[in-house]
Structures are given as structure tokens and as C-alpha cells.
Amino acid sequence: MKRNSPTSARRGTLFGLALGAVALGCCVGPAVAALTGLLSATVAIDLATDLYDRWGWAFKLAAASLALLIVVMTRRQSNRCHTKPRLLRFVVVMVLSALATYGVLYGTTTWLGNVSASPPPSLWSLPDV
């Protein structure tokens, strides 16, 4: 049975996805709660806006700290392996997937906020004359 290397691209991608979600957790958490029906859209938007304005830096700092911890732990694991570690490739894959995840989640939560904030078009309204 073949084990994955601690510096495999697959692990880098998975860690990057998790880091992107942690970095934007202030918006993703309320959005998931609203989509699952735990919160109303209005409460979720207010909560996400408040969290992003006041604590956005803390979520990004937590993701950066977690990334540093992952790199240190991966380096320690790869030093135990007999094969040549590809730590640079692992870090590049992890960072690129984290940035892509952050971008996609930011775009999605922003779009959801704009959609829920705009009033739905009415089929029965008469044009203003």
C-alpha cells in the first residue's frame, strides 16, 4: 500500500481549501447558516458585515498562523522520509489553492449579500408615469 507523501500536491490543495475557508470564516459561517435555514438572510448579512468589519483581520491572521504551522509540521514530517521532499511545490500549491478558495468564497458571499439585499422584481407593479 502506497502512502501519500507529506508534501504531495493533493495534501497542499486540501490544506489550501481549509485555509481559504478559515480566512473568510467571518462571511462563510453566516452564509452557510442562512443557506441551511439556521439564520434569516438579514441577520446573516448583518452578522457577516459586523464580523468582517471588526474581526476580518483576526480570521486572516488565524489562517496565516495555521498555514505557518502546517508548513512547519510538513517540513518535520518530510525530514523523516527517505525520499527528496518537495516542500516548495507543496507551499506553492497550498498558497494558490488558499487564494483561489478565498476569492471564490468572497465572490460568492458578496453575490449572495447583494442578491438578498435587493428587492425582488414585482410582476404586478405599474410603471411610474
C-alpha atoms as a PDB file:
ATOM      1  CA  MET A   1       0.000   0.000   0.000  1.00  0.00           C
ATOM      2  CA  LYS A   2       1.467   3.319  -1.090  1.00  0.00           C
ATOM      3  CA  ARG A   3       1.278   6.234   1.352  1.00  0.00           C
ATOM      4  CA  ASN A   4       0.954   9.822   0.237  1.00  0.00           C
ATOM      5  CA  SER A   5       3.998  11.940   0.722  1.00  0.00           C
ATOM      6  CA  PRO A   6       3.605  14.698   3.333  1.00  0.00           C
ATOM      7  CA  THR A   7       4.423  17.189   0.581  1.00  0.00           C
ATOM      8  CA  SER A   8       2.022  15.872  -2.055  1.00  0.00           C
ATOM      9  CA  ALA A   9       0.042  18.299  -4.185  1.00  0.00           C
ATOM     10  CA  ARG A  10      -3.186  16.672  -3.020  1.00  0.00           C
ATOM     11  CA  ARG A  11      -2.461  17.496   0.603  1.00  0.00           C
ATOM     12  CA  GLY A  12      -1.414  21.007  -0.371  1.00  0.00           C
ATOM     13  CA  THR A  13      -4.728  21.520  -2.147  1.00  0.00           C
ATOM     14  CA  LEU A  14      -6.755  20.209   0.789  1.00  0.00           C
ATOM     15  CA  PHE A  15      -4.864  22.384   3.252  1.00  0.00           C
ATOM     16  CA  GLY A  16      -5.296  25.359   0.918  1.00  0.00           C
ATOM     17  CA  LEU A  17      -9.046  24.830   0.746  1.00  0.00           C
ATOM     18  CA  ALA A  18      -9.220  24.725   4.534  1.00  0.00           C
ATOM     19  CA  LEU A  19      -7.048  27.842   4.879  1.00  0.00           C
ATOM     20  CA  GLY A  20      -9.213  29.786   2.423  1.00  0.00           C
ATOM     21  CA  ALA A  21     -12.331  28.857   4.371  1.00  0.00           C
ATOM     22  CA  VAL A  22     -10.705  29.867   7.667  1.00  0.00           C
ATOM     23  CA  ALA A  23      -9.543  33.213   6.235  1.00  0.00           C
ATOM     24  CA  LEU A  24     -13.083  34.066   5.152  1.00  0.00           C
ATOM     25  CA  GLY A  25     -14.858  32.284   8.001  1.00  0.00           C
ATOM     26  CA  CYS A  26     -16.386  35.573   9.110  1.00  0.00           C
ATOM     27  CA  CYS A  27     -18.539  35.565   5.966  1.00  0.00           C
ATOM     28  CA  VAL A  28     -18.767  31.865   5.159  1.00  0.00           C
ATOM     29  CA  GLY A  29     -20.185  30.885   8.565  1.00  0.00           C
ATOM     30  CA  PRO A  30     -23.182  33.243   8.431  1.00  0.00           C
ATOM     31  CA  ALA A  31     -23.781  32.405   4.753  1.00  0.00           C
ATOM     32  CA  VAL A  32     -23.887  28.670   5.481  1.00  0.00           C
ATOM     33  CA  ALA A  33     -26.169  29.322   8.461  1.00  0.00           C
ATOM     34  CA  ALA A  34     -28.538  31.321   6.245  1.00  0.00           C
ATOM     35  CA  LEU A  35     -28.497  28.741   3.448  1.00  0.00           C
ATOM     36  CA  THR A  36     -29.290  25.939   5.892  1.00  0.00           C
ATOM     37  CA  GLY A  37     -32.088  27.937   7.492  1.00  0.00           C
ATOM     38  CA  LEU A  38     -30.454  28.489  10.871  1.00  0.00           C
ATOM     39  CA  LEU A  39     -30.453  32.279  10.393  1.00  0.00           C
ATOM     40  CA  SER A  40     -32.515  34.630   8.288  1.00  0.00           C
ATOM     41  CA  ALA A  41     -30.721  36.322   5.406  1.00  0.00           C
ATOM     42  CA  THR A  42     -30.949  39.724   7.078  1.00  0.00           C
ATOM     43  CA  VAL A  43     -29.383  38.508  10.320  1.00  0.00           C
ATOM     44  CA  ALA A  44     -26.695  36.620   8.398  1.00  0.00           C
ATOM     45  CA  ILE A  45     -25.783  39.715   6.354  1.00  0.00           C
ATOM     46  CA  ASP A  46     -25.614  41.883   9.475  1.00  0.00           C
ATOM     47  CA  LEU A  47     -23.524  39.290  11.304  1.00  0.00           C
ATOM     48  CA  ALA A  48     -21.156  38.779   8.370  1.00  0.00           C
ATOM     49  CA  THR A  49     -20.730  42.535   7.874  1.00  0.00           C
ATOM     50  CA  ASP A  50     -20.053  43.081  11.573  1.00  0.00           C
ATOM     51  CA  LEU A  51     -17.609  40.172  11.770  1.00  0.00           C
ATOM     52  CA  TYR A  52     -15.783  41.240   8.596  1.00  0.00           C
ATOM     53  CA  ASP A  53     -15.535  44.886   9.662  1.00  0.00           C
ATOM     54  CA  ARG A  54     -14.404  44.215  13.229  1.00  0.00           C
ATOM     55  CA  TRP A  55     -12.714  40.815  13.110  1.00  0.00           C
ATOM     56  CA  GLY A  56     -11.721  40.231   9.481  1.00  0.00           C
ATOM     57  CA  TRP A  57      -8.065  40.750  10.361  1.00  0.00           C
ATOM     58  CA  ALA A  58      -8.293  38.070  13.072  1.00  0.00           C
ATOM     59  CA  PHE A  59      -9.664  35.473  10.646  1.00  0.00           C
ATOM     60  CA  LYS A  60      -6.890  36.253   8.147  1.00  0.00           C
ATOM     61  CA  LEU A  61      -4.270  36.142  10.916  1.00  0.00           C
ATOM     62  CA  ALA A  62      -5.627  32.768  12.077  1.00  0.00           C
ATOM     63  CA  ALA A  63      -5.343  31.410   8.527  1.00  0.00           C
ATOM     64  CA  ALA A  64      -1.777  32.724   8.156  1.00  0.00           C
ATOM     65  CA  SER A  65      -0.777  31.229  11.531  1.00  0.00           C
ATOM     66  CA  LEU A  66      -2.358  27.920  10.591  1.00  0.00           C
ATOM     67  CA  ALA A  67      -0.502  27.972   7.256  1.00  0.00           C
ATOM     68  CA  LEU A  68       2.798  28.534   9.038  1.00  0.00           C
ATOM     69  CA  LEU A  69       2.030  25.685  11.432  1.00  0.00           C
ATOM     70  CA  ILE A  70       1.179  23.383   8.521  1.00  0.00           C
ATOM     71  CA  VAL A  71       4.449  24.226   6.750  1.00  0.00           C
ATOM     72  CA  VAL A  72       6.497  23.593   9.917  1.00  0.00           C
ATOM     73  CA  MET A  73       4.746  20.268  10.592  1.00  0.00           C
ATOM     74  CA  THR A  74       5.081  19.192   6.958  1.00  0.00           C
ATOM     75  CA  ARG A  75       8.776  20.055   6.964  1.00  0.00           C
ATOM     76  CA  ARG A  76       9.288  17.928  10.083  1.00  0.00           C
ATOM     77  CA  GLN A  77       7.420  15.019   8.508  1.00  0.00           C
ATOM     78  CA  SER A  78       9.293  15.293   5.230  1.00  0.00           C
ATOM     79  CA  ASN A  79      12.644  15.247   7.029  1.00  0.00           C
ATOM     80  CA  ARG A  80      11.754  11.753   8.295  1.00  0.00           C
ATOM     81  CA  CYS A  81      11.086  10.469   4.776  1.00  0.00           C
ATOM     82  CA  HIS A  82      13.776   8.834   2.708  1.00  0.00           C
ATOM     83  CA  THR A  83      12.635  10.477  -0.490  1.00  0.00           C
ATOM     84  CA  LYS A  84      13.570  14.008  -1.507  1.00  0.00           C
ATOM     85  CA  PRO A  85      10.886  16.366  -0.157  1.00  0.00           C
ATOM     86  CA  ARG A  86       9.209  18.839  -2.480  1.00  0.00           C
ATOM     87  CA  LEU A  87       8.356  21.404   0.145  1.00  0.00           C
ATOM     88  CA  LEU A  88       8.430  24.392  -2.204  1.00  0.00           C
ATOM     89  CA  ARG A  89       5.882  22.797  -4.535  1.00  0.00           C
ATOM     90  CA  PHE A  90       3.698  21.907  -1.541  1.00  0.00           C
ATOM     91  CA  VAL A  91       3.764  25.506  -0.255  1.00  0.00           C
ATOM     92  CA  VAL A  92       3.023  26.953  -3.708  1.00  0.00           C
ATOM     93  CA  VAL A  93       0.069  24.593  -4.235  1.00  0.00           C
ATOM     94  CA  MET A  94      -1.228  25.315  -0.732  1.00  0.00           C
ATOM     95  CA  VAL A  95      -0.987  29.108  -1.121  1.00  0.00           C
ATOM     96  CA  LEU A  96      -2.513  29.161  -4.615  1.00  0.00           C
ATOM     97  CA  SER A  97      -5.415  26.942  -3.597  1.00  0.00           C
ATOM     98  CA  ALA A  98      -5.962  29.055  -0.449  1.00  0.00           C
ATOM     99  CA  LEU A  99      -6.059  32.253  -2.520  1.00  0.00           C
ATOM    100  CA  ALA A 100      -8.384  30.689  -5.095  1.00  0.00           C
ATOM    101  CA  THR A 101     -10.693  29.423  -2.349  1.00  0.00           C
ATOM    102  CA  TYR A 102     -10.674  32.829  -0.663  1.00  0.00           C
ATOM    103  CA  GLY A 103     -11.515  34.532  -3.971  1.00  0.00           C
ATOM    104  CA  VAL A 104     -14.336  32.153  -4.834  1.00  0.00           C
ATOM    105  CA  LEU A 105     -15.841  32.319  -1.345  1.00  0.00           C
ATOM    106  CA  TYR A 106     -15.514  36.109  -1.234  1.00  0.00           C
ATOM    107  CA  GLY A 107     -17.220  36.444  -4.613  1.00  0.00           C
ATOM    108  CA  THR A 108     -19.970  34.003  -3.655  1.00  0.00           C
ATOM    109  CA  THR A 109     -20.733  35.587  -0.289  1.00  0.00           C
ATOM    110  CA  THR A 110     -20.667  39.087  -1.805  1.00  0.00           C
ATOM    111  CA  TRP A 111     -23.032  37.970  -4.548  1.00  0.00           C
ATOM    112  CA  LEU A 112     -25.367  36.321  -2.019  1.00  0.00           C
ATOM    113  CA  GLY A 113     -25.361  39.503   0.062  1.00  0.00           C
ATOM    114  CA  ASN A 114     -26.225  41.637  -2.969  1.00  0.00           C
ATOM    115  CA  VAL A 115     -28.958  39.259  -4.131  1.00  0.00           C
ATOM    116  CA  SER A 116     -30.640  39.115  -0.745  1.00  0.00           C
ATOM    117  CA  ALA A 117     -30.370  42.886  -0.216  1.00  0.00           C
ATOM    118  CA  SER A 118     -32.047  43.818  -3.498  1.00  0.00           C
ATOM    119  CA  PRO A 119     -35.848  43.648  -3.598  1.00  0.00           C
ATOM    120  CA  PRO A 120     -37.320  41.032  -5.906  1.00  0.00           C
ATOM    121  CA  PRO A 121     -38.878  42.369  -9.094  1.00  0.00           C
ATOM    122  CA  SER A 122     -42.629  42.600  -8.955  1.00  0.00           C
ATOM    123  CA  LEU A 123     -44.703  41.257 -11.831  1.00  0.00           C
ATOM    124  CA  TRP A 124     -47.756  43.319 -10.891  1.00  0.00           C
ATOM    125  CA  SER A 125     -46.235  46.741 -10.366  1.00  0.00           C
ATOM    126  CA  LEU A 126     -47.240  49.515 -12.711  1.00  0.00           C
ATOM    127  CA  PRO A 127     -44.614  51.790 -14.175  1.00  0.00           C
ATOM    128  CA  ASP A 128     -44.413  55.305 -12.753  1.00  0.00           C
ATOM    129  CA  VAL A 129     -45.856  57.859 -15.140  1.00  0.00           C
END
